[in-house]
Amino acid sequence: KARGHNGDVVIDVSFENNKIKKVSLKESVETEDVGKLAIEKLIEKVNS
């Protein structure tokens, strides 16, 4: 959890054998076409 533009950004991070397996967005009130898209872009990057 961390403070975002409009409130808290909350994510779930799954680990497997000390490595990040998957990140998913749990809660966000970031701006639909800027902040949220940026978060989704970063999630895609981590999951890759």
ModelCIF file with pLDDT and N, C-alpha, C, O atoms, coordinates in Angstrom:
data_MODEL
#
_entry.id   MODEL 
#
_entity.id                         1 
_entity.type                       polymer 
_entity.pdbx_number_of_molecules   1 
#
_entity_poly.entity_id                      1 
_entity_poly.type                           'polypeptide(L)' 
_entity_poly.nstd_linkage                   no 
_entity_poly.nstd_monomer                   no 
_entity_poly.pdbx_seq_one_letter_code       KARGHNGDVVIDVSFENNKIKKVSLKESVETEDVGKLAIEKLIEKVNS 
_entity_poly.pdbx_seq_one_letter_code_can   KARGHNGDVVIDVSFENNKIKKVSLKESVETEDVGKLAIEKLIEKVNS 
_entity_poly.pdbx_strand_id                 A 
#
loop_
_entity_poly_seq.entity_id 
_entity_poly_seq.num 
_entity_poly_seq.mon_id 
_entity_poly_seq.hetero 
1 1  LYS n 
1 2  ALA n 
1 3  ARG n 
1 4  GLY n 
1 5  HIS n 
1 6  ASN n 
1 7  GLY n 
1 8  ASP n 
1 9  VAL n 
1 10 VAL n 
1 11 ILE n 
1 12 ASP n 
1 13 VAL n 
1 14 SER n 
1 15 PHE n 
1 16 GLU n 
1 17 ASN n 
1 18 ASN n 
1 19 LYS n 
1 20 ILE n 
1 21 LYS n 
1 22 LYS n 
1 23 VAL n 
1 24 SER n 
1 25 LEU n 
1 26 LYS n 
1 27 GLU n 
1 28 SER n 
1 29 VAL n 
1 30 GLU n 
1 31 THR n 
1 32 GLU n 
1 33 ASP n 
1 34 VAL n 
1 35 GLY n 
1 36 LYS n 
1 37 LEU n 
1 38 ALA n 
1 39 ILE n 
1 40 GLU n 
1 41 LYS n 
1 42 LEU n 
1 43 ILE n 
1 44 GLU n 
1 45 LYS n 
1 46 VAL n 
1 47 ASN n 
1 48 SER n 
#
_struct_asym.id          A 
_struct_asym.entity_id   1 
#
loop_
_ma_qa_metric.id 
_ma_qa_metric.mode 
_ma_qa_metric.name 
_ma_qa_metric.software_group_id 
_ma_qa_metric.type 
1 global pLDDT . pLDDT 
2 local  pLDDT . pLDDT 
#
_ma_qa_metric_global.metric_id      1 
_ma_qa_metric_global.metric_value   77.27 
_ma_qa_metric_global.model_id       1 
_ma_qa_metric_global.ordinal_id     1 
#
loop_
_ma_qa_metric_local.label_asym_id 
_ma_qa_metric_local.label_comp_id 
_ma_qa_metric_local.label_seq_id 
_ma_qa_metric_local.metric_id 
_ma_qa_metric_local.metric_value 
_ma_qa_metric_local.model_id 
_ma_qa_metric_local.ordinal_id 
A LYS 1  2 88.00 1 1  
A ALA 2  2 84.00 1 2  
A ARG 3  2 72.00 1 3  
A GLY 4  2 67.00 1 4  
A HIS 5  2 52.00 1 5  
A ASN 6  2 51.00 1 6  
A GLY 7  2 63.00 1 7  
A ASP 8  2 77.00 1 8  
A VAL 9  2 86.00 1 9  
A VAL 10 2 90.00 1 10 
A ILE 11 2 91.00 1 11 
A ASP 12 2 92.00 1 12 
A VAL 13 2 92.00 1 13 
A SER 14 2 91.00 1 14 
A PHE 15 2 88.00 1 15 
A GLU 16 2 87.00 1 16 
A ASN 17 2 87.00 1 17 
A ASN 18 2 83.00 1 18 
A LYS 19 2 86.00 1 19 
A ILE 20 2 89.00 1 20 
A LYS 21 2 88.00 1 21 
A LYS 22 2 91.00 1 22 
A VAL 23 2 91.00 1 23 
A SER 24 2 90.00 1 24 
A LEU 25 2 89.00 1 25 
A LYS 26 2 84.00 1 26 
A GLU 27 2 78.00 1 27 
A SER 28 2 71.00 1 28 
A VAL 29 2 56.00 1 29 
A GLU 30 2 52.00 1 30 
A THR 31 2 47.00 1 31 
A GLU 32 2 47.00 1 32 
A ASP 33 2 45.00 1 33 
A VAL 34 2 51.00 1 34 
A GLY 35 2 63.00 1 35 
A LYS 36 2 70.00 1 36 
A LEU 37 2 67.00 1 37 
A ALA 38 2 75.00 1 38 
A ILE 39 2 83.00 1 39 
A GLU 40 2 82.00 1 40 
A LYS 41 2 79.00 1 41 
A LEU 42 2 85.00 1 42 
A ILE 43 2 88.00 1 43 
A GLU 44 2 85.00 1 44 
A LYS 45 2 82.00 1 45 
A VAL 46 2 85.00 1 46 
A ASN 47 2 86.00 1 47 
A SER 48 2 83.00 1 48 
#
loop_
_atom_site.group_PDB 
_atom_site.id 
_atom_site.type_symbol 
_atom_site.label_atom_id 
_atom_site.label_alt_id 
_atom_site.label_comp_id 
_atom_site.label_asym_id 
_atom_site.label_entity_id 
_atom_site.label_seq_id 
_atom_site.pdbx_PDB_ins_code 
_atom_site.Cartn_x 
_atom_site.Cartn_y 
_atom_site.Cartn_z 
_atom_site.occupancy 
_atom_site.B_iso_or_equiv 
_atom_site.pdbx_formal_charge 
_atom_site.auth_seq_id 
_atom_site.auth_comp_id 
_atom_site.auth_asym_id 
_atom_site.auth_atom_id 
_atom_site.pdbx_PDB_model_num 
ATOM 1   N N  . LYS A 1 1  ? 0.835  -1.195  0.000   1.00 88.00 ? 1  LYS A N  1 
ATOM 2   C CA . LYS A 1 1  ? 0.000  0.000   0.000   1.00 88.00 ? 1  LYS A CA 1 
ATOM 3   C C  . LYS A 1 1  ? 0.875  1.252   0.000   1.00 88.00 ? 1  LYS A C  1 
ATOM 4   O O  . LYS A 1 1  ? 1.919  1.293   0.650   1.00 88.00 ? 1  LYS A O  1 
ATOM 5   N N  . ALA A 1 2  ? 0.431  2.279   -0.744  1.00 84.00 ? 2  ALA A N  1 
ATOM 6   C CA . ALA A 1 2  ? 1.135  3.565   -0.767  1.00 84.00 ? 2  ALA A CA 1 
ATOM 7   C C  . ALA A 1 2  ? 0.163  4.659   -1.170  1.00 84.00 ? 2  ALA A C  1 
ATOM 8   O O  . ALA A 1 2  ? -0.833 4.402   -1.848  1.00 84.00 ? 2  ALA A O  1 
ATOM 9   N N  . ARG A 1 3  ? 0.456  5.867   -0.753  1.00 72.00 ? 3  ARG A N  1 
ATOM 10  C CA . ARG A 1 3  ? -0.393 7.011   -1.062  1.00 72.00 ? 3  ARG A CA 1 
ATOM 11  C C  . ARG A 1 3  ? -0.252 7.400   -2.534  1.00 72.00 ? 3  ARG A C  1 
ATOM 12  O O  . ARG A 1 3  ? 0.859  7.580   -3.032  1.00 72.00 ? 3  ARG A O  1 
ATOM 13  N N  . GLY A 1 4  ? -1.395 7.530   -3.228  1.00 67.00 ? 4  GLY A N  1 
ATOM 14  C CA . GLY A 1 4  ? -1.390 7.923   -4.624  1.00 67.00 ? 4  GLY A CA 1 
ATOM 15  C C  . GLY A 1 4  ? -1.924 9.320   -4.826  1.00 67.00 ? 4  GLY A C  1 
ATOM 16  O O  . GLY A 1 4  ? -2.017 10.102  -3.880  1.00 67.00 ? 4  GLY A O  1 
ATOM 17  N N  . HIS A 1 5  ? -2.278 9.638   -6.073  1.00 52.00 ? 5  HIS A N  1 
ATOM 18  C CA . HIS A 1 5  ? -2.766 10.976  -6.407  1.00 52.00 ? 5  HIS A CA 1 
ATOM 19  C C  . HIS A 1 5  ? -4.070 11.291  -5.697  1.00 52.00 ? 5  HIS A C  1 
ATOM 20  O O  . HIS A 1 5  ? -4.217 12.369  -5.122  1.00 52.00 ? 5  HIS A O  1 
ATOM 21  N N  . ASN A 1 6  ? -5.023 10.357  -5.731  1.00 51.00 ? 6  ASN A N  1 
ATOM 22  C CA . ASN A 1 6  ? -6.339 10.609  -5.154  1.00 51.00 ? 6  ASN A CA 1 
ATOM 23  C C  . ASN A 1 6  ? -6.636 9.771   -3.919  1.00 51.00 ? 6  ASN A C  1 
ATOM 24  O O  . ASN A 1 6  ? -7.734 9.858   -3.368  1.00 51.00 ? 6  ASN A O  1 
ATOM 25  N N  . GLY A 1 7  ? -5.693 8.971   -3.479  1.00 63.00 ? 7  GLY A N  1 
ATOM 26  C CA . GLY A 1 7  ? -5.897 8.099   -2.319  1.00 63.00 ? 7  GLY A CA 1 
ATOM 27  C C  . GLY A 1 7  ? -4.889 6.972   -2.333  1.00 63.00 ? 7  GLY A C  1 
ATOM 28  O O  . GLY A 1 7  ? -3.882 7.048   -3.036  1.00 63.00 ? 7  GLY A O  1 
ATOM 29  N N  . ASP A 1 8  ? -5.149 5.918   -1.557  1.00 77.00 ? 8  ASP A N  1 
ATOM 30  C CA . ASP A 1 8  ? -4.218 4.804   -1.472  1.00 77.00 ? 8  ASP A CA 1 
ATOM 31  C C  . ASP A 1 8  ? -4.273 3.925   -2.715  1.00 77.00 ? 8  ASP A C  1 
ATOM 32  O O  . ASP A 1 8  ? -5.344 3.648   -3.254  1.00 77.00 ? 8  ASP A O  1 
ATOM 33  N N  . VAL A 1 9  ? -3.096 3.496   -3.155  1.00 86.00 ? 9  VAL A N  1 
ATOM 34  C CA . VAL A 1 9  ? -2.976 2.474   -4.195  1.00 86.00 ? 9  VAL A CA 1 
ATOM 35  C C  . VAL A 1 9  ? -2.632 1.177   -3.481  1.00 86.00 ? 9  VAL A C  1 
ATOM 36  O O  . VAL A 1 9  ? -1.613 1.097   -2.794  1.00 86.00 ? 9  VAL A O  1 
ATOM 37  N N  . VAL A 1 10 ? -3.472 0.163   -3.637  1.00 90.00 ? 10 VAL A N  1 
ATOM 38  C CA . VAL A 1 10 ? -3.289 -1.110  -2.941  1.00 90.00 ? 10 VAL A CA 1 
ATOM 39  C C  . VAL A 1 10 ? -3.118 -2.226  -3.980  1.00 90.00 ? 10 VAL A C  1 
ATOM 40  O O  . VAL A 1 10 ? -3.916 -2.356  -4.908  1.00 90.00 ? 10 VAL A O  1 
ATOM 41  N N  . ILE A 1 11 ? -2.071 -3.017  -3.804  1.00 91.00 ? 11 ILE A N  1 
ATOM 42  C CA . ILE A 1 11 ? -1.809 -4.114  -4.742  1.00 91.00 ? 11 ILE A CA 1 
ATOM 43  C C  . ILE A 1 11 ? -1.579 -5.410  -3.986  1.00 91.00 ? 11 ILE A C  1 
ATOM 44  O O  . ILE A 1 11 ? -1.215 -5.400  -2.810  1.00 91.00 ? 11 ILE A O  1 
ATOM 45  N N  . ASP A 1 12 ? -1.793 -6.522  -4.666  1.00 92.00 ? 12 ASP A N  1 
ATOM 46  C CA . ASP A 1 12 ? -1.463 -7.845  -4.157  1.00 92.00 ? 12 ASP A CA 1 
ATOM 47  C C  . ASP A 1 12 ? -0.266 -8.364  -4.938  1.00 92.00 ? 12 ASP A C  1 
ATOM 48  O O  . ASP A 1 12 ? -0.248 -8.331  -6.168  1.00 92.00 ? 12 ASP A O  1 
ATOM 49  N N  . VAL A 1 13 ? 0.741  -8.848  -4.200  1.00 92.00 ? 13 VAL A N  1 
ATOM 50  C CA . VAL A 1 13 ? 1.951  -9.366  -4.828  1.00 92.00 ? 13 VAL A CA 1 
ATOM 51  C C  . VAL A 1 13 ? 2.136  -10.829 -4.419  1.00 92.00 ? 13 VAL A C  1 
ATOM 52  O O  . VAL A 1 13 ? 2.315  -11.135 -3.240  1.00 92.00 ? 13 VAL A O  1 
ATOM 53  N N  . SER A 1 14 ? 2.092  -11.724 -5.403  1.00 91.00 ? 14 SER A N  1 
ATOM 54  C CA . SER A 1 14 ? 2.255  -13.153 -5.145  1.00 91.00 ? 14 SER A CA 1 
ATOM 55  C C  . SER A 1 14 ? 3.710  -13.556 -5.356  1.00 91.00 ? 14 SER A C  1 
ATOM 56  O O  . SER A 1 14 ? 4.329  -13.190 -6.355  1.00 91.00 ? 14 SER A O  1 
ATOM 57  N N  . PHE A 1 15 ? 4.254  -14.326 -4.390  1.00 88.00 ? 15 PHE A N  1 
ATOM 58  C CA . PHE A 1 15 ? 5.641  -14.790 -4.455  1.00 88.00 ? 15 PHE A CA 1 
ATOM 59  C C  . PHE A 1 15 ? 5.683  -16.304 -4.590  1.00 88.00 ? 15 PHE A C  1 
ATOM 60  O O  . PHE A 1 15 ? 4.820  -17.011 -4.069  1.00 88.00 ? 15 PHE A O  1 
ATOM 61  N N  . GLU A 1 16 ? 6.691  -16.791 -5.292  1.00 87.00 ? 16 GLU A N  1 
ATOM 62  C CA . GLU A 1 16 ? 6.930  -18.228 -5.402  1.00 87.00 ? 16 GLU A CA 1 
ATOM 63  C C  . GLU A 1 16 ? 8.430  -18.463 -5.389  1.00 87.00 ? 16 GLU A C  1 
ATOM 64  O O  . GLU A 1 16 ? 9.144  -18.049 -6.303  1.00 87.00 ? 16 GLU A O  1 
ATOM 65  N N  . ASN A 1 17 ? 8.902  -19.134 -4.340  1.00 87.00 ? 17 ASN A N  1 
ATOM 66  C CA . ASN A 1 17 ? 10.334 -19.413 -4.187  1.00 87.00 ? 17 ASN A CA 1 
ATOM 67  C C  . ASN A 1 17 ? 11.181 -18.144 -4.290  1.00 87.00 ? 17 ASN A C  1 
ATOM 68  O O  . ASN A 1 17 ? 12.144 -18.072 -5.053  1.00 87.00 ? 17 ASN A O  1 
ATOM 69  N N  . ASN A 1 18 ? 10.789 -17.151 -3.497  1.00 83.00 ? 18 ASN A N  1 
ATOM 70  C CA . ASN A 1 18 ? 11.541 -15.884 -3.376  1.00 83.00 ? 18 ASN A CA 1 
ATOM 71  C C  . ASN A 1 18 ? 11.429 -14.961 -4.592  1.00 83.00 ? 18 ASN A C  1 
ATOM 72  O O  . ASN A 1 18 ? 12.091 -13.925 -4.656  1.00 83.00 ? 18 ASN A O  1 
ATOM 73  N N  . LYS A 1 19 ? 10.594 -15.341 -5.546  1.00 86.00 ? 19 LYS A N  1 
ATOM 74  C CA . LYS A 1 19 ? 10.457 -14.512 -6.730  1.00 86.00 ? 19 LYS A CA 1 
ATOM 75  C C  . LYS A 1 19 ? 9.019  -14.020 -6.880  1.00 86.00 ? 19 LYS A C  1 
ATOM 76  O O  . LYS A 1 19 ? 8.067  -14.700 -6.498  1.00 86.00 ? 19 LYS A O  1 
ATOM 77  N N  . ILE A 1 20 ? 8.888  -12.820 -7.446  1.00 89.00 ? 20 ILE A N  1 
ATOM 78  C CA . ILE A 1 20 ? 7.555  -12.284 -7.689  1.00 89.00 ? 20 ILE A CA 1 
ATOM 79  C C  . ILE A 1 20 ? 6.930  -13.037 -8.849  1.00 89.00 ? 20 ILE A C  1 
ATOM 80  O O  . ILE A 1 20 ? 7.473  -13.062 -9.953  1.00 89.00 ? 20 ILE A O  1 
ATOM 81  N N  . LYS A 1 21 ? 5.793  -13.645 -8.589  1.00 88.00 ? 21 LYS A N  1 
ATOM 82  C CA . LYS A 1 21 ? 5.096  -14.417 -9.615  1.00 88.00 ? 21 LYS A CA 1 
ATOM 83  C C  . LYS A 1 21 ? 4.068  -13.561 -10.343 1.00 88.00 ? 21 LYS A C  1 
ATOM 84  O O  . LYS A 1 21 ? 3.949  -13.617 -11.567 1.00 88.00 ? 21 LYS A O  1 
ATOM 85  N N  . LYS A 1 22 ? 3.318  -12.759 -9.565  1.00 91.00 ? 22 LYS A N  1 
ATOM 86  C CA . LYS A 1 22 ? 2.262  -11.948 -10.179 1.00 91.00 ? 22 LYS A CA 1 
ATOM 87  C C  . LYS A 1 22 ? 1.909  -10.766 -9.297  1.00 91.00 ? 22 LYS A C  1 
ATOM 88  O O  . LYS A 1 22 ? 1.874  -10.870 -8.071  1.00 91.00 ? 22 LYS A O  1 
ATOM 89  N N  . VAL A 1 23 ? 1.644  -9.622  -9.957  1.00 91.00 ? 23 VAL A N  1 
ATOM 90  C CA . VAL A 1 23 ? 1.158  -8.426  -9.260  1.00 91.00 ? 23 VAL A CA 1 
ATOM 91  C C  . VAL A 1 23 ? -0.213 -8.080  -9.825  1.00 91.00 ? 23 VAL A C  1 
ATOM 92  O O  . VAL A 1 23 ? -0.416 -8.089  -11.039 1.00 91.00 ? 23 VAL A O  1 
ATOM 93  N N  . SER A 1 24 ? -1.147 -7.776  -8.936  1.00 90.00 ? 24 SER A N  1 
ATOM 94  C CA . SER A 1 24 ? -2.482 -7.370  -9.395  1.00 90.00 ? 24 SER A CA 1 
ATOM 95  C C  . SER A 1 24 ? -2.946 -6.158  -8.606  1.00 90.00 ? 24 SER A C  1 
ATOM 96  O O  . SER A 1 24 ? -2.611 -6.005  -7.432  1.00 90.00 ? 24 SER A O  1 
ATOM 97  N N  . LEU A 1 25 ? -3.714 -5.305  -9.255  1.00 89.00 ? 25 LEU A N  1 
ATOM 98  C CA . LEU A 1 25 ? -4.230 -4.090  -8.629  1.00 89.00 ? 25 LEU A CA 1 
ATOM 99  C C  . LEU A 1 25 ? -5.465 -4.437  -7.806  1.00 89.00 ? 25 LEU A C  1 
ATOM 100 O O  . LEU A 1 25 ? -6.427 -5.002  -8.327  1.00 89.00 ? 25 LEU A O  1 
ATOM 101 N N  . LYS A 1 26 ? -5.435 -4.102  -6.539  1.00 84.00 ? 26 LYS A N  1 
ATOM 102 C CA . LYS A 1 26 ? -6.524 -4.424  -5.634  1.00 84.00 ? 26 LYS A CA 1 
ATOM 103 C C  . LYS A 1 26 ? -7.447 -3.227  -5.426  1.00 84.00 ? 26 LYS A C  1 
ATOM 104 O O  . LYS A 1 26 ? -8.669 -3.370  -5.380  1.00 84.00 ? 26 LYS A O  1 
ATOM 105 N N  . GLU A 1 27 ? -6.846 -2.049  -5.301  1.00 78.00 ? 27 GLU A N  1 
ATOM 106 C CA . GLU A 1 27 ? -7.642 -0.852  -5.029  1.00 78.00 ? 27 GLU A CA 1 
ATOM 107 C C  . GLU A 1 27 ? -6.911 0.386   -5.527  1.00 78.00 ? 27 GLU A C  1 
ATOM 108 O O  . GLU A 1 27 ? -5.721 0.566   -5.268  1.00 78.00 ? 27 GLU A O  1 
ATOM 109 N N  . SER A 1 28 ? -7.648 1.246   -6.253  1.00 71.00 ? 28 SER A N  1 
ATOM 110 C CA . SER A 1 28 ? -7.051 2.494   -6.742  1.00 71.00 ? 28 SER A CA 1 
ATOM 111 C C  . SER A 1 28 ? -8.142 3.467   -7.132  1.00 71.00 ? 28 SER A C  1 
ATOM 112 O O  . SER A 1 28 ? -9.152 3.084   -7.722  1.00 71.00 ? 28 SER A O  1 
ATOM 113 N N  . VAL A 1 29 ? -7.931 4.732   -6.796  1.00 56.00 ? 29 VAL A N  1 
ATOM 114 C CA . VAL A 1 29 ? -8.856 5.786   -7.212  1.00 56.00 ? 29 VAL A CA 1 
ATOM 115 C C  . VAL A 1 29 ? -8.104 6.793   -8.079  1.00 56.00 ? 29 VAL A C  1 
ATOM 116 O O  . VAL A 1 29 ? -8.464 7.968   -8.157  1.00 56.00 ? 29 VAL A O  1 
ATOM 117 N N  . GLU A 1 30 ? -7.047 6.299   -8.729  1.00 52.00 ? 30 GLU A N  1 
ATOM 118 C CA . GLU A 1 30 ? -6.272 7.178   -9.583  1.00 52.00 ? 30 GLU A CA 1 
ATOM 119 C C  . GLU A 1 30 ? -7.057 7.556   -10.833 1.00 52.00 ? 30 GLU A C  1 
ATOM 120 O O  . GLU A 1 30 ? -7.984 6.849   -11.228 1.00 52.00 ? 30 GLU A O  1 
ATOM 121 N N  . THR A 1 31 ? -6.684 8.667   -11.450 1.00 47.00 ? 31 THR A N  1 
ATOM 122 C CA . THR A 1 31 ? -7.364 9.165   -12.640 1.00 47.00 ? 31 THR A CA 1 
ATOM 123 C C  . THR A 1 31 ? -7.395 8.081   -13.711 1.00 47.00 ? 31 THR A C  1 
ATOM 124 O O  . THR A 1 31 ? -6.372 7.477   -14.031 1.00 47.00 ? 31 THR A O  1 
ATOM 125 N N  . GLU A 1 32 ? -8.593 7.844   -14.261 1.00 47.00 ? 32 GLU A N  1 
ATOM 126 C CA . GLU A 1 32 ? -8.813 6.722   -15.172 1.00 47.00 ? 32 GLU A CA 1 
ATOM 127 C C  . GLU A 1 32 ? -7.842 6.698   -16.347 1.00 47.00 ? 32 GLU A C  1 
ATOM 128 O O  . GLU A 1 32 ? -7.293 5.648   -16.683 1.00 47.00 ? 32 GLU A O  1 
ATOM 129 N N  . ASP A 1 33 ? -7.628 7.869   -16.979 1.00 45.00 ? 33 ASP A N  1 
ATOM 130 C CA . ASP A 1 33 ? -6.875 7.877   -18.229 1.00 45.00 ? 33 ASP A CA 1 
ATOM 131 C C  . ASP A 1 33 ? -5.423 8.294   -18.072 1.00 45.00 ? 33 ASP A C  1 
ATOM 132 O O  . ASP A 1 33 ? -4.711 8.419   -19.068 1.00 45.00 ? 33 ASP A O  1 
ATOM 133 N N  . VAL A 1 34 ? -4.965 8.513   -16.838 1.00 51.00 ? 34 VAL A N  1 
ATOM 134 C CA . VAL A 1 34 ? -3.557 8.846   -16.636 1.00 51.00 ? 34 VAL A CA 1 
ATOM 135 C C  . VAL A 1 34 ? -2.971 7.932   -15.579 1.00 51.00 ? 34 VAL A C  1 
ATOM 136 O O  . VAL A 1 34 ? -2.196 7.029   -15.892 1.00 51.00 ? 34 VAL A O  1 
ATOM 137 N N  . GLY A 1 35 ? -3.342 8.166   -14.321 1.00 63.00 ? 35 GLY A N  1 
ATOM 138 C CA . GLY A 1 35 ? -2.764 7.406   -13.227 1.00 63.00 ? 35 GLY A CA 1 
ATOM 139 C C  . GLY A 1 35 ? -3.016 5.916   -13.302 1.00 63.00 ? 35 GLY A C  1 
ATOM 140 O O  . GLY A 1 35 ? -2.099 5.113   -13.131 1.00 63.00 ? 35 GLY A O  1 
ATOM 141 N N  . LYS A 1 36 ? -4.264 5.548   -13.558 1.00 70.00 ? 36 LYS A N  1 
ATOM 142 C CA . LYS A 1 36 ? -4.604 4.124   -13.583 1.00 70.00 ? 36 LYS A CA 1 
ATOM 143 C C  . LYS A 1 36 ? -3.929 3.421   -14.754 1.00 70.00 ? 36 LYS A C  1 
ATOM 144 O O  . LYS A 1 36 ? -3.454 2.293   -14.620 1.00 70.00 ? 36 LYS A O  1 
ATOM 145 N N  . LEU A 1 37 ? -3.889 4.091   -15.899 1.00 67.00 ? 37 LEU A N  1 
ATOM 146 C CA . LEU A 1 37 ? -3.216 3.503   -17.057 1.00 67.00 ? 37 LEU A CA 1 
ATOM 147 C C  . LEU A 1 37 ? -1.727 3.329   -16.791 1.00 67.00 ? 37 LEU A C  1 
ATOM 148 O O  . LEU A 1 37 ? -1.124 2.342   -17.211 1.00 67.00 ? 37 LEU A O  1 
ATOM 149 N N  . ALA A 1 38 ? -1.134 4.304   -16.082 1.00 75.00 ? 38 ALA A N  1 
ATOM 150 C CA . ALA A 1 38 ? 0.286  4.212   -15.742 1.00 75.00 ? 38 ALA A CA 1 
ATOM 151 C C  . ALA A 1 38 ? 0.543  3.012   -14.837 1.00 75.00 ? 38 ALA A C  1 
ATOM 152 O O  . ALA A 1 38 ? 1.513  2.279   -15.025 1.00 75.00 ? 38 ALA A O  1 
ATOM 153 N N  . ILE A 1 39 ? -0.338 2.817   -13.849 1.00 83.00 ? 39 ILE A N  1 
ATOM 154 C CA . ILE A 1 39 ? -0.195 1.679   -12.927 1.00 83.00 ? 39 ILE A CA 1 
ATOM 155 C C  . ILE A 1 39 ? -0.326 0.365   -13.684 1.00 83.00 ? 39 ILE A C  1 
ATOM 156 O O  . ILE A 1 39 ? 0.451  -0.564  -13.466 1.00 83.00 ? 39 ILE A O  1 
ATOM 157 N N  . GLU A 1 40 ? -1.311 0.290   -14.575 1.00 82.00 ? 40 GLU A N  1 
ATOM 158 C CA . GLU A 1 40 ? -1.496 -0.928  -15.359 1.00 82.00 ? 40 GLU A CA 1 
ATOM 159 C C  . GLU A 1 40 ? -0.279 -1.224  -16.236 1.00 82.00 ? 40 GLU A C  1 
ATOM 160 O O  . GLU A 1 40 ? 0.095  -2.381  -16.432 1.00 82.00 ? 40 GLU A O  1 
ATOM 161 N N  . LYS A 1 41 ? 0.325  -0.164  -16.756 1.00 79.00 ? 41 LYS A N  1 
ATOM 162 C CA . LYS A 1 41 ? 1.522  -0.317  -17.575 1.00 79.00 ? 41 LYS A CA 1 
ATOM 163 C C  . LYS A 1 41 ? 2.671  -0.872  -16.740 1.00 79.00 ? 41 LYS A C  1 
ATOM 164 O O  . LYS A 1 41 ? 3.411  -1.741  -17.200 1.00 79.00 ? 41 LYS A O  1 
ATOM 165 N N  . LEU A 1 42 ? 2.822  -0.374  -15.521 1.00 85.00 ? 42 LEU A N  1 
ATOM 166 C CA . LEU A 1 42 ? 3.892  -0.839  -14.635 1.00 85.00 ? 42 LEU A CA 1 
ATOM 167 C C  . LEU A 1 42 ? 3.646  -2.273  -14.170 1.00 85.00 ? 42 LEU A C  1 
ATOM 168 O O  . LEU A 1 42 ? 4.585  -3.058  -14.040 1.00 85.00 ? 42 LEU A O  1 
ATOM 169 N N  . ILE A 1 43 ? 2.391  -2.607  -13.921 1.00 88.00 ? 43 ILE A N  1 
ATOM 170 C CA . ILE A 1 43 ? 2.049  -3.981  -13.531 1.00 88.00 ? 43 ILE A CA 1 
ATOM 171 C C  . ILE A 1 43 ? 2.412  -4.956  -14.649 1.00 88.00 ? 43 ILE A C  1 
ATOM 172 O O  . ILE A 1 43 ? 2.983  -6.020  -14.408 1.00 88.00 ? 43 ILE A O  1 
ATOM 173 N N  . GLU A 1 44 ? 2.071  -4.572  -15.867 1.00 85.00 ? 44 GLU A N  1 
ATOM 174 C CA . GLU A 1 44 ? 2.407  -5.411  -17.027 1.00 85.00 ? 44 GLU A CA 1 
ATOM 175 C C  . GLU A 1 44 ? 3.918  -5.611  -17.132 1.00 85.00 ? 44 GLU A C  1 
ATOM 176 O O  . GLU A 1 44 ? 4.388  -6.692  -17.489 1.00 85.00 ? 44 GLU A O  1 
ATOM 177 N N  . LYS A 1 45 ? 4.667  -4.563  -16.820 1.00 82.00 ? 45 LYS A N  1 
ATOM 178 C CA . LYS A 1 45 ? 6.121  -4.625  -16.892 1.00 82.00 ? 45 LYS A CA 1 
ATOM 179 C C  . LYS A 1 45 ? 6.674  -5.597  -15.850 1.00 82.00 ? 45 LYS A C  1 
ATOM 180 O O  . LYS A 1 45 ? 7.528  -6.428  -16.157 1.00 82.00 ? 45 LYS A O  1 
ATOM 181 N N  . VAL A 1 46 ? 6.177  -5.485  -14.610 1.00 85.00 ? 46 VAL A N  1 
ATOM 182 C CA . VAL A 1 46 ? 6.645  -6.370  -13.534 1.00 85.00 ? 46 VAL A CA 1 
ATOM 183 C C  . VAL A 1 46 ? 6.284  -7.818  -13.832 1.00 85.00 ? 46 VAL A C  1 
ATOM 184 O O  . VAL A 1 46 ? 7.102  -8.719  -13.649 1.00 85.00 ? 46 VAL A O  1 
ATOM 185 N N  . ASN A 1 47 ? 5.051  -8.038  -14.292 1.00 86.00 ? 47 ASN A N  1 
ATOM 186 C CA . ASN A 1 47 ? 4.604  -9.400  -14.576 1.00 86.00 ? 47 ASN A CA 1 
ATOM 187 C C  . ASN A 1 47 ? 5.367  -10.047 -15.730 1.00 86.00 ? 47 ASN A C  1 
ATOM 188 O O  . ASN A 1 47 ? 5.344  -11.267 -15.896 1.00 86.00 ? 47 ASN A O  1 
ATOM 189 N N  . SER A 1 48 ? 6.038  -9.221  -16.520 1.00 83.00 ? 48 SER A N  1 
ATOM 190 C CA . SER A 1 48 ? 6.870  -9.755  -17.604 1.00 83.00 ? 48 SER A CA 1 
ATOM 191 C C  . SER A 1 48 ? 8.298  -10.020 -17.133 1.00 83.00 ? 48 SER A C  1 
ATOM 192 O O  . SER A 1 48 ? 9.133  -10.471 -17.918 1.00 83.00 ? 48 SER A O  1 
#
